[in-house]
Structure formats: C-alpha cells, structure tokens
Protein backbone atom coordinates (compact mmCIF):
# COMPACT_ATOMS: atom_id res chain seq x y z
CA MET A 1 -203.90 -35.23 -70.35
CA ARG A 2 -200.30 -34.00 -70.10
CA VAL A 3 -199.80 -30.24 -70.19
CA GLU A 4 -196.46 -29.10 -71.64
CA ARG A 5 -196.75 -25.35 -71.05
CA TYR A 6 -198.44 -23.76 -68.07
CA ARG A 7 -198.17 -21.09 -65.38
CA VAL A 8 -196.82 -21.69 -61.87
CA ALA A 9 -197.06 -19.63 -58.70
CA VAL A 10 -194.70 -19.31 -55.74
CA VAL A 11 -196.11 -17.84 -52.53
CA GLN A 12 -193.78 -15.65 -50.47
CA ALA A 13 -195.58 -15.03 -47.19
CA ALA A 14 -195.53 -15.83 -43.49
CA PRO A 15 -198.40 -17.46 -41.60
CA PRO A 16 -200.39 -15.49 -39.02
CA TYR A 17 -198.97 -15.20 -35.51
CA PRO A 18 -199.20 -16.42 -32.84
CA PRO A 19 -199.04 -19.90 -34.41
CA SER A 20 -202.51 -21.20 -35.20
CA ARG A 21 -203.25 -24.24 -37.35
CA LYS A 22 -206.68 -22.89 -38.23
CA ALA A 23 -205.53 -19.36 -39.08
CA ALA A 24 -202.55 -20.54 -41.14
CA LEU A 25 -204.72 -23.03 -43.03
CA GLU A 26 -207.31 -20.43 -43.97
CA ARG A 27 -204.68 -17.95 -45.09
CA ALA A 28 -203.02 -20.65 -47.19
CA CYS A 29 -206.37 -21.42 -48.82
CA ARG A 30 -206.91 -17.75 -49.67
CA LEU A 31 -203.45 -17.53 -51.23
CA ILE A 32 -204.06 -20.69 -53.25
CA MET A 33 -207.32 -19.29 -54.61
CA GLU A 34 -205.60 -15.98 -55.43
CA ALA A 35 -202.93 -17.81 -57.44
CA ALA A 36 -205.56 -19.92 -59.17
CA ALA A 37 -207.38 -16.75 -60.22
CA GLU A 38 -204.17 -15.77 -62.03
CA GLU A 39 -204.32 -19.08 -63.93
CA ALA A 40 -201.50 -20.85 -62.08
CA ARG A 41 -201.58 -24.64 -62.39
CA ILE A 42 -199.06 -25.41 -59.60
CA VAL A 43 -198.92 -23.37 -56.38
CA ALA A 44 -195.96 -23.74 -54.00
CA LEU A 45 -195.99 -22.44 -50.41
CA PRO A 46 -193.06 -22.16 -47.94
CA GLU A 47 -191.56 -24.54 -45.42
CA ALA A 48 -193.54 -25.20 -42.22
CA TYR A 49 -196.29 -22.77 -43.26
CA ILE A 50 -198.82 -24.53 -41.02
CA PRO A 51 -198.71 -23.43 -38.27
CA ALA A 52 -195.24 -21.77 -38.32
CA TYR A 53 -191.50 -22.24 -38.57
CA PRO A 54 -190.29 -22.93 -34.97
CA ASN A 55 -188.05 -19.92 -34.69
CA TRP A 56 -187.83 -19.71 -30.92
CA ALA A 57 -184.46 -19.60 -29.23
CA VAL A 58 -183.39 -22.95 -27.81
CA GLU A 59 -181.89 -23.10 -24.33
CA ALA A 60 -181.39 -26.61 -22.98
CA LYS A 61 -179.99 -25.61 -19.59
CA PRO A 62 -182.72 -25.76 -16.88
CA PRO A 63 -184.74 -23.82 -16.07
CA THR A 64 -185.87 -23.36 -19.64
CA SER A 65 -188.95 -22.42 -21.61
CA TRP A 66 -188.15 -24.05 -24.95
CA ASP A 67 -190.11 -27.17 -24.01
CA ARG A 68 -193.26 -25.08 -23.68
CA LYS A 69 -192.57 -23.58 -27.08
CA TRP A 70 -192.16 -27.07 -28.55
CA TYR A 71 -195.43 -28.13 -26.96
CA ARG A 72 -197.11 -25.07 -28.46
CA ILE A 73 -195.99 -26.08 -31.95
CA MET A 74 -196.99 -29.69 -31.34
CA GLU A 75 -200.49 -28.69 -30.27
CA GLU A 76 -200.96 -26.60 -33.42
CA SER A 77 -199.40 -29.15 -35.79
CA MET A 78 -201.61 -31.25 -38.07
CA GLU A 79 -202.11 -34.97 -38.52
CA ILE A 80 -202.01 -36.50 -41.99
CA PRO A 81 -204.59 -37.29 -43.18
CA GLY A 82 -206.91 -35.10 -41.16
CA PRO A 83 -209.33 -32.17 -41.34
CA GLU A 84 -206.61 -29.83 -42.60
CA THR A 85 -205.60 -32.07 -45.50
CA GLU A 86 -209.29 -32.48 -46.35
CA ARG A 87 -209.65 -28.71 -46.50
CA LEU A 88 -206.53 -28.28 -48.64
CA CYS A 89 -207.70 -31.01 -51.01
CA GLU A 90 -211.10 -29.36 -51.26
CA VAL A 91 -209.55 -26.01 -52.20
CA ALA A 92 -207.09 -27.57 -54.66
CA GLY A 93 -209.90 -29.44 -56.40
CA GLU A 94 -212.16 -26.41 -56.48
CA ALA A 95 -209.39 -24.22 -57.89
CA GLY A 96 -208.05 -26.89 -60.24
CA VAL A 97 -204.44 -26.38 -59.10
CA MET A 98 -201.75 -28.67 -57.76
CA VAL A 99 -200.77 -27.53 -54.25
CA CYS A 100 -197.41 -28.10 -52.56
CA ILE A 101 -197.19 -26.77 -49.00
CA GLY A 102 -194.87 -27.14 -46.02
CA VAL A 103 -196.49 -28.14 -42.71
CA ASN A 104 -195.63 -29.33 -39.22
CA GLU A 105 -196.93 -32.90 -39.06
CA ARG A 106 -197.78 -34.40 -35.68
CA ASP A 107 -197.36 -38.15 -35.37
CA ARG A 108 -200.84 -39.57 -34.86
CA LEU A 109 -199.70 -42.21 -32.38
CA HIS A 110 -196.60 -40.72 -30.77
CA HIS A 111 -197.34 -37.08 -30.05
CA GLY A 112 -193.70 -36.64 -29.07
CA SER A 113 -192.76 -36.57 -32.75
CA ILE A 114 -193.20 -33.64 -35.13
CA TYR A 115 -192.08 -33.88 -38.75
CA ASN A 116 -191.19 -31.09 -41.15
CA THR A 117 -193.37 -32.22 -44.03
CA LEU A 118 -194.00 -31.14 -47.62
CA LEU A 119 -197.47 -32.10 -48.89
CA PHE A 120 -198.36 -32.78 -52.53
CA ILE A 121 -202.03 -32.39 -53.52
CA SER A 122 -203.29 -32.94 -57.06
CA HIS A 123 -205.28 -30.49 -59.16
CA ASP A 124 -208.35 -32.67 -58.69
CA GLY A 125 -208.14 -32.62 -54.91
CA VAL A 126 -206.33 -35.87 -54.10
CA LEU A 127 -203.57 -36.10 -51.48
CA LEU A 128 -200.76 -37.61 -53.55
CA GLY A 129 -198.30 -37.99 -50.70
CA ARG A 130 -195.74 -36.28 -48.52
CA HIS A 131 -192.02 -35.80 -48.06
CA ARG A 132 -190.68 -35.64 -44.51
CA LYS A 133 -187.44 -33.74 -44.08
CA LEU A 134 -184.67 -36.28 -43.57
CA THR A 135 -182.13 -33.87 -42.16
CA PRO A 136 -183.44 -31.23 -39.75
CA ALA A 137 -180.56 -28.76 -39.62
CA TYR A 138 -178.71 -27.28 -36.67
CA ARG A 139 -181.20 -26.11 -34.00
CA GLU A 140 -184.14 -27.70 -35.86
CA LYS A 141 -183.09 -31.09 -34.50
CA ILE A 142 -184.54 -30.23 -31.12
CA PHE A 143 -187.98 -29.59 -32.65
CA TRP A 144 -188.32 -32.05 -35.53
CA THR A 145 -187.98 -35.82 -35.91
CA PRO A 146 -185.99 -36.89 -39.00
CA GLY A 147 -187.78 -38.60 -41.86
CA SER A 148 -186.70 -41.93 -43.35
CA PRO A 149 -185.11 -42.88 -46.69
CA GLU A 150 -188.60 -43.93 -47.86
CA ASP A 151 -189.57 -40.26 -47.71
CA LEU A 152 -187.40 -39.76 -50.79
CA ARG A 153 -189.93 -41.80 -52.77
CA SER A 154 -191.83 -38.58 -53.34
CA ILE A 155 -191.87 -37.84 -57.06
CA TYR A 156 -195.41 -37.76 -58.43
CA ALA A 157 -196.51 -38.24 -62.04
CA THR A 158 -199.01 -35.46 -62.77
CA PRO A 159 -200.47 -33.79 -65.88
CA PHE A 160 -197.81 -31.10 -65.27
CA GLY A 161 -194.87 -33.49 -65.33
CA ARG A 162 -193.04 -35.39 -62.61
CA VAL A 163 -193.20 -33.19 -59.51
CA GLY A 164 -191.18 -33.61 -56.31
CA GLY A 165 -189.53 -31.58 -53.62
CA LEU A 166 -187.01 -31.14 -50.82
CA ILE A 167 -186.85 -28.83 -47.82
CA CYS A 168 -184.21 -26.16 -47.11
CA ALA A 169 -180.83 -27.70 -46.14
CA GLU A 170 -181.69 -30.93 -47.95
CA HIS A 171 -180.65 -29.04 -51.09
CA LEU A 172 -177.07 -29.15 -49.80
CA ASN A 173 -177.03 -32.96 -49.54
CA PRO A 174 -175.83 -34.67 -52.76
CA LEU A 175 -177.32 -38.05 -51.81
CA LEU A 176 -180.80 -36.62 -51.39
CA LYS A 177 -180.54 -34.72 -54.66
CA SER A 178 -179.41 -37.90 -56.39
CA ALA A 179 -182.55 -39.67 -55.19
CA MET A 180 -184.65 -37.02 -56.93
CA ILE A 181 -182.59 -37.21 -60.12
CA ILE A 182 -182.93 -41.00 -60.31
CA GLN A 183 -186.73 -40.61 -60.28
CA ALA A 184 -186.66 -38.29 -63.33
CA GLU A 185 -187.98 -35.21 -61.56
CA GLN A 186 -189.08 -32.41 -63.90
CA VAL A 187 -190.57 -29.79 -61.57
CA HIS A 188 -188.98 -29.37 -58.16
CA ILE A 189 -190.52 -27.66 -55.14
CA ALA A 190 -187.89 -26.10 -52.85
CA CYS A 191 -189.31 -24.97 -49.50
CA TYR A 192 -187.41 -22.57 -47.23
CA PRO A 193 -188.13 -20.44 -44.16
CA GLY A 194 -186.02 -17.50 -45.39
CA TRP A 195 -184.47 -17.36 -41.94
CA SER A 196 -182.35 -14.23 -41.54
CA LEU A 197 -179.52 -16.04 -39.72
CA LEU A 198 -178.84 -18.05 -42.89
CA PRO A 199 -177.10 -16.00 -45.61
CA ARG A 200 -179.46 -15.42 -48.53
CA GLU A 201 -176.73 -16.51 -50.94
CA VAL A 202 -177.12 -20.08 -49.65
CA MET A 203 -180.68 -20.29 -50.92
CA ASP A 204 -179.89 -18.46 -54.15
CA VAL A 205 -176.99 -20.71 -55.08
CA SER A 206 -178.63 -23.95 -53.96
CA VAL A 207 -181.81 -23.52 -56.02
CA ARG A 208 -179.95 -22.53 -59.18
CA GLN A 209 -177.45 -25.34 -58.72
CA TYR A 210 -180.33 -27.80 -58.23
CA ALA A 211 -181.90 -26.73 -61.52
CA LEU A 212 -178.58 -27.18 -63.31
CA GLU A 213 -177.78 -30.55 -61.74
CA CYS A 214 -181.25 -32.03 -62.21
CA GLN A 215 -182.09 -30.29 -65.50
CA CYS A 216 -185.48 -29.31 -64.08
CA TYR A 217 -187.57 -26.31 -63.09
CA VAL A 218 -187.33 -25.18 -59.47
CA LEU A 219 -190.13 -23.41 -57.61
CA ALA A 220 -188.52 -21.92 -54.50
CA ALA A 221 -191.02 -20.79 -51.85
CA SER A 222 -189.87 -18.92 -48.76
CA GLN A 223 -191.42 -16.94 -45.95
CA TYR A 224 -191.10 -13.17 -45.73
CA LEU A 225 -191.43 -11.16 -42.54
CA THR A 226 -189.84 -7.88 -41.49
CA GLY A 227 -190.38 -8.30 -37.75
CA ARG A 228 -193.29 -8.87 -35.43
CA PRO A 229 -194.22 -5.80 -33.40
CA ASP A 230 -197.17 -7.87 -32.15
CA HIS A 231 -194.87 -10.65 -30.94
CA PRO A 232 -192.62 -10.44 -27.83
CA PRO A 233 -188.83 -10.83 -28.18
CA ASP A 234 -189.27 -14.38 -26.87
CA ASP A 235 -185.81 -15.11 -25.44
CA GLY A 236 -183.93 -13.82 -28.44
CA ALA A 237 -186.01 -15.30 -31.26
CA ASN A 238 -185.38 -13.47 -34.51
CA TRP A 239 -188.63 -12.80 -36.35
CA GLU A 240 -187.01 -11.69 -39.58
CA PHE A 241 -187.49 -13.76 -42.75
CA TYR A 242 -185.91 -12.33 -45.89
CA GLY A 243 -187.78 -14.25 -48.59
CA GLY A 244 -185.72 -15.13 -51.64
CA SER A 245 -188.55 -16.90 -53.48
CA GLY A 246 -188.37 -17.42 -57.21
CA VAL A 247 -188.75 -19.72 -60.20
CA VAL A 248 -185.63 -21.08 -61.91
CA ASP A 249 -185.42 -22.72 -65.34
CA PRO A 250 -183.35 -25.83 -66.20
CA ALA A 251 -180.42 -23.62 -67.21
CA GLY A 252 -180.25 -22.07 -63.74
CA ARG A 253 -181.78 -18.73 -64.74
CA TYR A 254 -184.50 -16.95 -62.79
CA LEU A 255 -187.81 -16.64 -64.59
CA ALA A 256 -189.27 -14.83 -61.56
CA GLY A 257 -187.54 -13.39 -58.53
CA PRO A 258 -185.61 -13.72 -56.39
CA SER A 259 -187.75 -11.45 -54.23
CA TYR A 260 -186.39 -9.94 -51.01
CA SER A 261 -188.63 -6.93 -50.49
CA LYS A 262 -192.22 -7.94 -49.72
CA GLU A 263 -194.91 -10.56 -49.36
CA GLU A 264 -196.12 -11.49 -52.82
CA ILE A 265 -197.00 -14.27 -55.21
CA LEU A 266 -194.53 -14.73 -58.06
CA TYR A 267 -195.58 -16.20 -61.40
CA ALA A 268 -193.68 -17.78 -64.28
CA GLU A 269 -194.28 -19.94 -67.34
CA VAL A 270 -193.02 -23.53 -67.43
CA ASP A 271 -192.29 -25.26 -70.74
CA LEU A 272 -191.36 -28.90 -70.22
CA ALA A 273 -189.74 -29.03 -73.67
CA ARG A 274 -186.94 -26.87 -72.26
CA ILE A 275 -185.89 -29.79 -70.07
CA ALA A 276 -185.11 -31.98 -73.09
CA GLU A 277 -183.18 -29.09 -74.65
CA ARG A 278 -181.05 -28.80 -71.53
CA LYS A 279 -180.42 -32.54 -71.45
CA ALA A 280 -178.75 -32.20 -74.84
CA TRP A 281 -175.92 -30.57 -72.88
CA ILE A 282 -175.92 -32.81 -69.83
CA ASP A 283 -178.22 -35.58 -68.66
CA VAL A 284 -176.99 -36.96 -65.35
CA ALA A 285 -179.79 -39.54 -65.17
CA GLY A 286 -179.41 -40.62 -68.81
CA LYS A 287 -176.51 -40.51 -71.24
CA ASP A 288 -174.16 -38.97 -68.65
CA ALA A 289 -175.18 -41.26 -65.79
CA ARG A 290 -172.57 -43.38 -64.02
CA TRP A 291 -174.53 -45.56 -61.62
CA ASP A 292 -171.54 -47.89 -61.43
CA VAL A 293 -169.86 -45.28 -59.23
CA ILE A 294 -172.37 -45.89 -56.41
CA PRO A 295 -170.86 -49.23 -55.24
CA PHE A 296 -167.43 -47.63 -55.43
CA LEU A 297 -168.56 -44.80 -53.14
CA GLN A 298 -169.75 -47.39 -50.63
CA SER A 299 -166.36 -49.08 -50.79
CA LEU A 300 -164.66 -45.76 -50.03
CA ARG A 301 -166.89 -45.30 -47.01
CA GLU A 302 -166.02 -48.77 -45.74
CA ALA A 303 -162.29 -48.39 -46.35
C-alpha cells in the first residue's frame, strides 16, 4: 500500500575507528533501530559508512604507504550479497524501515576492485539493489573503481514512492542527474562524507539545486567528526568531517538541518503530494521536457 505522508530520518555520524566492517555494521544497525523507534519510515546513512571513507593521504612516489592503507580498506570492505547485507536486511525488516546506506563494496572475484556503493533495502528486509558511484572524484580515483552506466538504473518503486540516490560529486554531473529525472524519482538519497577539504557550500547548494531540478525530496546524509585523538596523523590525513546533513523539500527548502555541530539523527515529514504541487511550476520530465535536445547534444560533442 502506498504511503503519501511519512517520517524520514537522516543519520549524521561517523563509523568507529580504526576501520572495522563488523564495528561499523553494528553501529549502523543501532542507529537504524534508533530512527525506527522515532517512527521513521526511510533511514539514510552517509557515504562509505562501512567500514569508512578512505581519507588517508595519497603519495604515489615510492617508497609509499598508501597501498597498505588501500589494502586495509579492501580487507574491511563487504561483498554484496554477503553476511553484512543479510544483517542489514534483517534489521530493516525487523524495524519496518527502508534503509539506504553507503558502503565500500569489494568485488567478489577481483579483489583489486573496490566500489563506492549505495545500498537500498526495503522495509520488509529485501535487498532492492545498489548504485555504484560512476565518478570517484579527485583523490578517490586511486581507491575506488568507477561504476557503469547500468548503475544509474537504481530507482526503486516502494510504498514510500520512487526512491533513488547518488553519491557526493555525482550531484554536480548533469548527465547523472538527468538519468534520475527520467526515471521519475520522488525521494532522493544524497550521500556525502562531509570532508573538510570540500567547502560546505558545495554540498548545501548541490542538494537544494537537486531538489529544485528534480522536483523531489532530498535526504542528505553526511559524516560528522571533529578529529580523532585516538587516531595517528597518518601522513597528513585530515580526520575532520563537518556534516551538513539535512532534508530538503521539492522547493529547495530545508525541512531539517543543515547540521554542522554534532552527531545526530535528523527527522522530517515527507508529503508526496507536494511534488505534484511543485510540478505545476516546472516539470522537467513531463510538460517541460525536451528529450529532442539529447541527439543535438551528441551532435555538438561530435562536431
């Protein structure tokens, strides 16, 4: 049965350190249950929450230690499906909430590949699918393998509307956003690390712009960390994550957040009828669509 109005939760938190698949998984499960106790129906968690965002400094000139850091992340990454997805599905089904969580996914066959993956799990405990980040940004390219265009086929029809998601810098790529719009996305999960070297305005503007362009709700989940006294400097790694999590309505207005001051779970009410109201102004996938421009864009590229 379709639910038009319901509560959503956005988790702003960092996983335990040092990176541990088991520890991060169990903390994620506790946070999901906490949000469910507050009657949330969708729970969004940050980018690369299991086991961690690979924030180590990268130095490619030998001798170097970054390869050992990569191996550390690879060893603690999860395979899909696997025991970790089974556990997440179990918790989602028990709590009756849809769960969207960022993870490091290890290729089952080629252990030299790690993907930055966003998982979608239904409220009745079924793994709906995944989205692999197509465009690892900047230094991320040395840790993560890019996803494929097929990874954009990641909008899921649920009782809470059509739910999809992108990861961090993908929100700055018009082609990737267009793929979401074409699939009539209604609730969008935006996962970020909250990395302190990226200006917070980038996240703020990109999530509000996404809501306006797609005429949808945006659940933006980011990590928050004020430093790791228990973690060594690690060749210049910056263990500061500023957060910025929030919930944005189809008009680009915050219903909750943005939060920059602490670990917390933010809550807001979603009303899918608001999407239709917004589309009265602009509907880029409907009455205002111009799909005939796509072949023209290709011709410009080939010119």
